[in-house]
């Protein structure tokens, strides 16, 4: 999967999660959008909902599940730091 295809899946997940968030907390569809860490708009429940939405988008697109979370994933500088870093991570794992 290309990074662009992975980014589109993340953007689709953002659309799903944004429906549940107040306008001030919605995620922008940009590679620089911070997901986890300083400046991130999501609380812990929002992060869980977002991860589930991304995993559902990947499964729908590829026909195969992909588990994105482990203990190291949500640390500063990890794959969930920004939309762009998450898209690169997904693309690498789906290659």
Protein backbone atom coordinates (compact mmCIF):
# COMPACT_ATOMS: atom_id res chain seq x y z
CA UNK A 1 0.00 0.00 0.00
CA UNK A 2 1.32 3.43 -0.86
CA UNK A 3 1.69 6.16 1.73
CA UNK A 4 -0.93 8.19 -0.15
CA UNK A 5 -3.42 5.30 0.02
CA UNK A 6 -2.71 4.89 3.73
CA UNK A 7 -3.20 8.63 4.27
CA UNK A 8 -6.60 8.44 2.53
CA UNK A 9 -7.62 5.65 4.93
CA UNK A 10 -6.51 7.76 7.90
CA UNK A 11 -8.48 10.72 6.51
CA UNK A 12 -11.57 8.51 6.22
CA UNK A 13 -11.11 7.52 9.87
CA UNK A 14 -10.76 11.21 10.78
CA UNK A 15 -14.11 11.88 9.08
CA UNK A 16 -15.71 9.14 11.18
CA UNK A 17 -14.20 10.34 14.47
CA UNK A 18 -14.91 14.01 13.76
CA UNK A 19 -18.64 13.24 13.64
CA UNK A 20 -18.42 12.43 17.37
CA UNK A 21 -16.36 15.47 18.38
CA UNK A 22 -17.30 19.09 19.05
CA UNK A 23 -16.10 21.49 16.37
CA UNK A 24 -13.23 22.79 18.51
CA UNK A 25 -11.81 19.27 19.01
CA UNK A 26 -12.04 17.98 15.42
CA UNK A 27 -8.94 16.68 13.69
CA UNK A 28 -7.73 18.40 10.53
CA UNK A 29 -7.01 16.22 7.52
CA UNK A 30 -3.35 17.14 7.18
CA UNK A 31 -0.13 15.11 7.47
CA UNK A 32 0.99 17.53 10.20
CA UNK A 33 -2.08 17.01 12.41
CA UNK A 34 -0.96 15.85 15.86
CA UNK A 35 -2.78 12.76 17.10
CA UNK A 36 -0.89 11.86 20.29
CA UNK A 37 1.30 14.07 22.42
CA UNK A 38 1.56 17.76 23.12
CA UNK A 39 -0.96 19.63 21.00
CA UNK A 40 -3.10 16.59 20.25
CA UNK A 41 -6.85 17.19 20.30
CA UNK A 42 -7.94 13.70 21.33
CA UNK A 43 -8.40 12.45 24.87
CA UNK A 44 -7.78 8.78 25.69
CA UNK A 45 -11.26 7.68 24.58
CA UNK A 46 -10.90 9.70 21.40
CA UNK A 47 -7.58 7.99 20.65
CA UNK A 48 -9.16 4.57 21.14
CA UNK A 49 -12.07 5.49 18.84
CA UNK A 50 -9.63 6.83 16.27
CA UNK A 51 -7.46 3.70 16.31
CA UNK A 52 -10.52 1.48 15.90
CA UNK A 53 -11.73 3.62 13.00
CA UNK A 54 -8.32 3.40 11.28
CA UNK A 55 -8.15 -0.37 11.78
CA UNK A 56 -11.66 -0.73 10.31
CA UNK A 57 -10.68 1.36 7.27
CA UNK A 58 -7.59 -0.79 6.71
CA UNK A 59 -9.56 -4.04 7.03
CA UNK A 60 -12.22 -2.77 4.62
CA UNK A 61 -9.61 -1.65 2.08
CA UNK A 62 -7.30 -4.67 2.25
CA UNK A 63 -9.54 -7.49 3.42
CA UNK A 64 -7.07 -8.23 6.21
CA UNK A 65 -6.99 -6.97 9.78
CA UNK A 66 -4.09 -4.89 11.04
CA UNK A 67 -3.56 -4.32 14.75
CA UNK A 68 -1.97 -0.93 15.19
CA UNK A 69 -1.48 -0.63 18.93
CA UNK A 70 1.15 -1.99 21.24
CA UNK A 71 2.81 -0.41 24.26
CA UNK A 72 5.31 1.61 22.23
CA UNK A 73 2.89 3.06 19.70
CA UNK A 74 1.52 5.96 21.73
CA UNK A 75 4.79 7.45 22.94
CA UNK A 76 6.05 10.86 21.83
CA UNK A 77 7.71 10.47 18.45
CA UNK A 78 5.94 7.16 17.75
CA UNK A 79 3.79 6.31 14.73
CA UNK A 80 0.72 8.00 16.23
CA UNK A 81 2.41 11.38 16.69
CA UNK A 82 0.96 12.81 13.45
CA UNK A 83 -1.28 11.78 10.59
CA UNK A 84 1.78 11.64 8.32
CA UNK A 85 3.79 9.37 10.63
CA UNK A 86 0.79 7.06 11.01
CA UNK A 87 0.28 6.88 7.23
CA UNK A 88 3.98 5.99 6.74
CA UNK A 89 3.71 3.29 9.42
CA UNK A 90 0.60 1.77 7.83
CA UNK A 91 2.15 1.82 4.36
CA UNK A 92 5.28 0.08 5.61
CA UNK A 93 3.31 -2.61 7.43
CA UNK A 94 1.00 -3.24 4.49
CA UNK A 95 3.84 -3.50 1.97
